Amino acid sequence: MAKSCAICGKTRMAGGNRRHNTTSNISRKGAWGHRATRTTRSWQLNLRKALVATNKGVSKEWVCMKCYKKASAK
């Protein structure tokens, strides 16, 4: 199973990588609008092991930094 945040359930994100901006070329049916390569890429999470309170007690879980900062601010 892939790593994810134990609190919010956030996982890695996938998106498209474009070689150059083709918005104006595609609308005019330009040649570069069709030649621009599109590859997939992923954004990994910024995870950290932290102590998380669960029903069974306290355990070490993977937590994203957004949740970690919220929990440490309290």
C-alpha atoms as a PDB file:
ATOM      1  CA  MET A   1       0.000   0.000   0.000  1.00  0.00           C
ATOM      2  CA  ALA A   2       1.261   3.456  -0.865  1.00  0.00           C
ATOM      3  CA  LYS A   3       2.098   5.909   1.885  1.00  0.00           C
ATOM      4  CA  SER A   4      -0.627   8.346   2.819  1.00  0.00           C
ATOM      5  CA  CYS A   5      -1.418  10.736   5.653  1.00  0.00           C
ATOM      6  CA  ALA A   6      -2.990   8.965   8.622  1.00  0.00           C
ATOM      7  CA  ILE A   7      -5.064  12.038   9.567  1.00  0.00           C
ATOM      8  CA  CYS A   8      -6.399  13.511   6.326  1.00  0.00           C
ATOM      9  CA  GLY A   9      -5.805  10.564   3.959  1.00  0.00           C
ATOM     10  CA  LYS A  10      -3.903  12.629   1.408  1.00  0.00           C
ATOM     11  CA  THR A  11      -1.983  10.598  -1.209  1.00  0.00           C
ATOM     12  CA  ARG A  12       0.303  11.463  -4.097  1.00  0.00           C
ATOM     13  CA  MET A  13      -1.105  13.542  -6.932  1.00  0.00           C
ATOM     14  CA  ALA A  14      -0.660  12.943 -10.661  1.00  0.00           C
ATOM     15  CA  GLY A  15      -0.786  15.502 -13.400  1.00  0.00           C
ATOM     16  CA  GLY A  16       0.499  16.455 -16.810  1.00  0.00           C
ATOM     17  CA  ASN A  17       3.862  17.822 -17.791  1.00  0.00           C
ATOM     18  CA  ARG A  18       3.853  20.072 -20.850  1.00  0.00           C
ATOM     19  CA  ARG A  19       6.961  20.917 -22.810  1.00  0.00           C
ATOM     20  CA  HIS A  20       5.868  24.487 -23.552  1.00  0.00           C
ATOM     21  CA  ASN A  21       2.745  26.612 -23.486  1.00  0.00           C
ATOM     22  CA  THR A  22       0.458  25.585 -26.347  1.00  0.00           C
ATOM     23  CA  THR A  23      -2.817  27.271 -25.430  1.00  0.00           C
ATOM     24  CA  SER A  24      -2.581  29.880 -28.164  1.00  0.00           C
ATOM     25  CA  ASN A  25      -1.230  27.389 -30.702  1.00  0.00           C
ATOM     26  CA  ILE A  26      -3.995  24.858 -30.201  1.00  0.00           C
ATOM     27  CA  SER A  27      -6.716  27.454 -30.663  1.00  0.00           C
ATOM     28  CA  ARG A  28      -5.166  28.506 -33.987  1.00  0.00           C
ATOM     29  CA  LYS A  29      -4.419  24.885 -34.964  1.00  0.00           C
ATOM     30  CA  GLY A  30      -0.713  25.657 -35.061  1.00  0.00           C
ATOM     31  CA  ALA A  31       1.868  22.976 -35.700  1.00  0.00           C
ATOM     32  CA  TRP A  32       3.470  23.259 -32.250  1.00  0.00           C
ATOM     33  CA  GLY A  33       0.146  22.555 -30.621  1.00  0.00           C
ATOM     34  CA  HIS A  34       0.344  19.000 -31.918  1.00  0.00           C
ATOM     35  CA  ARG A  35       4.092  18.478 -31.431  1.00  0.00           C
ATOM     36  CA  ALA A  36       4.205  19.402 -27.744  1.00  0.00           C
ATOM     37  CA  THR A  37       4.912  16.264 -25.751  1.00  0.00           C
ATOM     38  CA  ARG A  38       2.713  15.437 -22.798  1.00  0.00           C
ATOM     39  CA  THR A  39       4.114  13.235 -20.075  1.00  0.00           C
ATOM     40  CA  THR A  40       2.655  12.313 -16.730  1.00  0.00           C
ATOM     41  CA  ARG A  41       4.363  13.296 -13.527  1.00  0.00           C
ATOM     42  CA  SER A  42       3.577  12.922  -9.846  1.00  0.00           C
ATOM     43  CA  TRP A  43       3.818  15.140  -6.804  1.00  0.00           C
ATOM     44  CA  GLN A  44       4.939  13.274  -3.714  1.00  0.00           C
ATOM     45  CA  LEU A  45       3.752  14.117  -0.227  1.00  0.00           C
ATOM     46  CA  ASN A  46       5.889  15.719   2.430  1.00  0.00           C
ATOM     47  CA  LEU A  47       5.399  13.006   5.047  1.00  0.00           C
ATOM     48  CA  ARG A  48       6.868  12.587   8.490  1.00  0.00           C
ATOM     49  CA  LYS A  49       6.540   9.896  11.145  1.00  0.00           C
ATOM     50  CA  ALA A  50       4.652  11.247  14.148  1.00  0.00           C
ATOM     51  CA  LEU A  51       2.824   9.969  17.185  1.00  0.00           C
ATOM     52  CA  VAL A  52      -0.909   9.827  16.496  1.00  0.00           C
ATOM     53  CA  ALA A  53      -3.645   9.053  19.017  1.00  0.00           C
ATOM     54  CA  THR A  54      -5.914   6.243  17.792  1.00  0.00           C
ATOM     55  CA  ASN A  55      -8.637   4.094  19.347  1.00  0.00           C
ATOM     56  CA  LYS A  56      -6.055   1.527  20.452  1.00  0.00           C
ATOM     57  CA  GLY A  57      -3.713   4.137  21.927  1.00  0.00           C
ATOM     58  CA  VAL A  58      -0.765   6.077  20.593  1.00  0.00           C
ATOM     59  CA  SER A  59       1.120   4.802  17.544  1.00  0.00           C
ATOM     60  CA  LYS A  60       3.664   6.110  15.043  1.00  0.00           C
ATOM     61  CA  GLU A  61       2.013   6.934  11.738  1.00  0.00           C
ATOM     62  CA  TRP A  62       2.876   8.807   8.537  1.00  0.00           C
ATOM     63  CA  VAL A  63       1.489  12.361   8.702  1.00  0.00           C
ATOM     64  CA  CYS A  64       1.682  15.144   6.106  1.00  0.00           C
ATOM     65  CA  MET A  65       3.335  18.378   7.196  1.00  0.00           C
ATOM     66  CA  LYS A  66       0.084  20.346   7.011  1.00  0.00           C
ATOM     67  CA  CYS A  67      -1.532  18.078   9.616  1.00  0.00           C
ATOM     68  CA  TYR A  68       1.704  17.910  11.621  1.00  0.00           C
ATOM     69  CA  LYS A  69       1.861  21.709  11.907  1.00  0.00           C
ATOM     70  CA  LYS A  70      -1.807  21.924  12.905  1.00  0.00           C
ATOM     71  CA  ALA A  71      -1.341  19.289  15.602  1.00  0.00           C
ATOM     72  CA  SER A  72       1.842  20.842  17.006  1.00  0.00           C
ATOM     73  CA  ALA A  73       0.255  24.327  17.133  1.00  0.00           C
ATOM     74  CA  LYS A  74      -2.346  23.131  19.659  1.00  0.00           C
END
